[in-house]
Amino acid sequence: MTDEQYMRQALLQAHQALAEGEIPIGAVIVCQGKIIARGHNLTERLHDVTAHAEMQAITAAAEYLGGKYLKDCTLYVTVEPCIMCAGALGWSQISRVVYGAADEKRGFLNFAPQALHPRCELVGGVLQEECASLMKNFFQKKR
């Protein structure tokens, strides 16, 4: 599958978050061509500010692999990770992070661009318009 196809799977997770009244961010983690973890924001349901899509996916992938390191894995997430998530991704030693829309206000690239592991490849802008419009529409309806 291509980056776009995996991002579409992350978008399905984002739509699930939206249906549950959560901020519509979704993530999947791929290892050896297989989706091993899925996650979407659960901050409202769990009353937990750390329950971001990436954190849910990292936990599920580590459980699946039976270890804390996500070497040879790729995270696909609909929005650029925040500082907290980027730090967790750095500690996990994930090999690759692919995101859709940039997060101008809270994205890690503005505050801690070195948070990911030094060998981690970062790719941004995959299905950017679709990912961004989902967020924009969500927040317009909230206001």
Protein backbone atom coordinates (compact mmCIF):
# COMPACT_ATOMS: atom_id res chain seq x y z
CA MET A 1 0.00 0.00 0.00
CA THR A 2 1.04 3.60 -0.49
CA ASP A 3 1.34 6.42 2.05
CA GLU A 4 -1.97 7.77 0.76
CA GLN A 5 -3.71 4.44 1.28
CA TYR A 6 -2.45 4.14 4.85
CA MET A 7 -3.40 7.78 5.53
CA ARG A 8 -6.92 6.93 4.39
CA GLN A 9 -6.96 4.30 7.15
CA ALA A 10 -5.89 6.99 9.62
CA LEU A 11 -8.69 9.20 8.27
CA LEU A 12 -11.18 6.41 9.02
CA GLN A 13 -9.98 6.57 12.62
CA ALA A 14 -10.38 10.36 12.59
CA HIS A 15 -13.97 9.98 11.39
CA GLN A 16 -14.60 7.51 14.20
CA ALA A 17 -13.31 10.10 16.68
CA LEU A 18 -15.61 12.70 15.12
CA ALA A 19 -18.60 10.36 15.47
CA GLU A 20 -17.75 10.00 19.17
CA GLY A 21 -17.53 13.76 19.73
CA GLU A 22 -13.74 13.77 19.92
CA ILE A 23 -11.32 16.02 18.05
CA PRO A 24 -11.06 14.17 14.71
CA ILE A 25 -7.50 12.92 14.67
CA GLY A 26 -6.71 9.36 13.71
CA ALA A 27 -3.59 7.23 13.53
CA VAL A 28 -2.41 3.84 12.36
CA ILE A 29 0.94 2.13 12.79
CA VAL A 30 2.28 -0.12 10.04
CA CYS A 31 4.99 -2.76 10.40
CA GLN A 32 6.17 -4.91 7.49
CA GLY A 33 3.24 -3.82 5.33
CA LYS A 34 0.61 -4.65 7.96
CA ILE A 35 -1.45 -2.31 10.12
CA ILE A 36 -0.63 -3.42 13.65
CA ALA A 37 -2.32 -0.63 15.61
CA ARG A 38 -5.09 1.92 15.22
CA GLY A 39 -6.03 4.84 17.39
CA HIS A 40 -8.08 7.99 17.57
CA ASN A 41 -8.48 10.72 20.13
CA LEU A 42 -10.16 9.56 23.34
CA THR A 43 -9.51 12.59 25.53
CA GLU A 44 -13.20 13.32 26.15
CA ARG A 45 -14.30 9.74 26.77
CA LEU A 46 -11.39 8.94 29.07
CA HIS A 47 -11.16 12.41 30.66
CA ASP A 48 -7.45 12.18 29.90
CA VAL A 49 -5.50 14.93 28.15
CA THR A 50 -2.85 12.37 27.15
CA ALA A 51 -5.29 10.12 25.26
CA HIS A 52 -4.25 11.39 21.83
CA ALA A 53 -4.57 9.22 18.72
CA GLU A 54 -0.80 8.73 18.51
CA MET A 55 -0.54 7.66 22.16
CA GLN A 56 -3.35 5.13 21.68
CA ALA A 57 -1.62 3.73 18.59
CA ILE A 58 1.83 3.61 20.23
CA THR A 59 0.45 1.65 23.18
CA ALA A 60 -1.42 -0.78 20.93
CA ALA A 61 1.61 -1.32 18.67
CA ALA A 62 3.95 -1.94 21.60
CA GLU A 63 1.48 -4.48 22.98
CA TYR A 64 1.20 -6.17 19.57
CA LEU A 65 4.99 -6.35 19.15
CA GLY A 66 5.64 -7.30 22.77
CA GLY A 67 8.16 -4.51 23.31
CA LYS A 68 8.45 -0.77 23.71
CA TYR A 69 10.49 -0.02 20.58
CA LEU A 70 8.75 0.53 17.25
CA LYS A 71 11.77 0.17 14.99
CA ASP A 72 10.83 -0.68 11.41
CA CYS A 73 7.36 0.82 11.97
CA THR A 74 5.63 3.82 10.42
CA LEU A 75 3.02 6.01 12.11
CA TYR A 76 0.40 7.60 9.87
CA VAL A 77 -1.47 10.40 11.63
CA THR A 78 -3.92 12.90 10.18
CA VAL A 79 -2.41 15.92 11.98
CA GLU A 80 1.19 16.79 12.87
CA PRO A 81 1.94 15.39 16.35
CA CYS A 82 2.06 17.67 19.38
CA ILE A 83 5.16 17.92 21.55
CA MET A 84 3.96 15.20 23.92
CA CYS A 85 3.28 12.73 21.13
CA ALA A 86 6.51 13.58 19.30
CA GLY A 87 8.42 12.91 22.51
CA ALA A 88 6.72 9.54 22.94
CA LEU A 89 7.45 8.71 19.31
CA GLY A 90 11.08 9.64 19.87
CA TRP A 91 11.32 7.34 22.89
CA SER A 92 9.69 4.54 20.88
CA GLN A 93 12.41 4.87 18.22
CA ILE A 94 9.79 4.65 15.49
CA SER A 95 11.44 4.63 12.07
CA ARG A 96 9.03 6.87 10.19
CA VAL A 97 6.27 9.39 10.89
CA VAL A 98 3.87 10.47 8.14
CA TYR A 99 1.32 13.18 8.87
CA GLY A 100 -1.41 14.87 6.90
CA ALA A 101 -2.08 18.44 8.02
CA ALA A 102 0.42 20.69 9.75
CA ASP A 103 -0.59 22.01 13.18
CA GLU A 104 0.50 25.64 13.21
CA LYS A 105 -0.53 26.21 16.84
CA ARG A 106 0.42 23.00 18.65
CA GLY A 107 2.61 21.00 16.28
CA PHE A 108 5.96 19.79 17.55
CA LEU A 109 7.89 21.29 14.62
CA ASN A 110 7.25 24.79 16.02
CA PHE A 111 8.46 23.96 19.53
CA ALA A 112 10.66 20.86 19.56
CA PRO A 113 11.70 19.90 16.03
CA GLN A 114 14.35 17.51 17.40
CA ALA A 115 11.86 15.48 19.47
CA LEU A 116 11.78 12.50 17.13
CA HIS A 117 14.58 9.93 17.14
CA PRO A 118 17.52 11.16 15.00
CA ARG A 119 17.05 8.31 12.51
CA CYS A 120 13.31 8.85 12.16
CA GLU A 121 12.14 9.91 8.71
CA LEU A 122 9.44 12.61 8.75
CA VAL A 123 7.00 13.10 5.87
CA GLY A 124 4.29 15.76 5.96
CA GLY A 125 1.42 16.81 3.76
CA VAL A 126 0.00 13.41 2.78
CA LEU A 127 -3.70 14.02 1.98
CA GLN A 128 -3.16 17.39 3.62
CA GLU A 129 -6.32 19.08 2.33
CA GLU A 130 -8.62 16.27 3.44
CA CYS A 131 -7.02 16.06 6.88
CA ALA A 132 -7.04 19.83 7.36
CA SER A 133 -10.65 20.28 6.26
CA LEU A 134 -11.83 17.65 8.74
CA MET A 135 -10.23 19.63 11.58
CA LYS A 136 -11.38 23.01 10.25
CA ASN A 137 -15.01 21.85 9.92
CA PHE A 138 -14.95 20.34 13.40
CA PHE A 139 -13.79 23.55 15.05
CA GLN A 140 -16.14 25.76 12.99
CA LYS A 141 -19.10 23.73 14.27
CA LYS A 142 -17.78 23.99 17.86
CA ARG A 143 -17.76 27.80 17.76
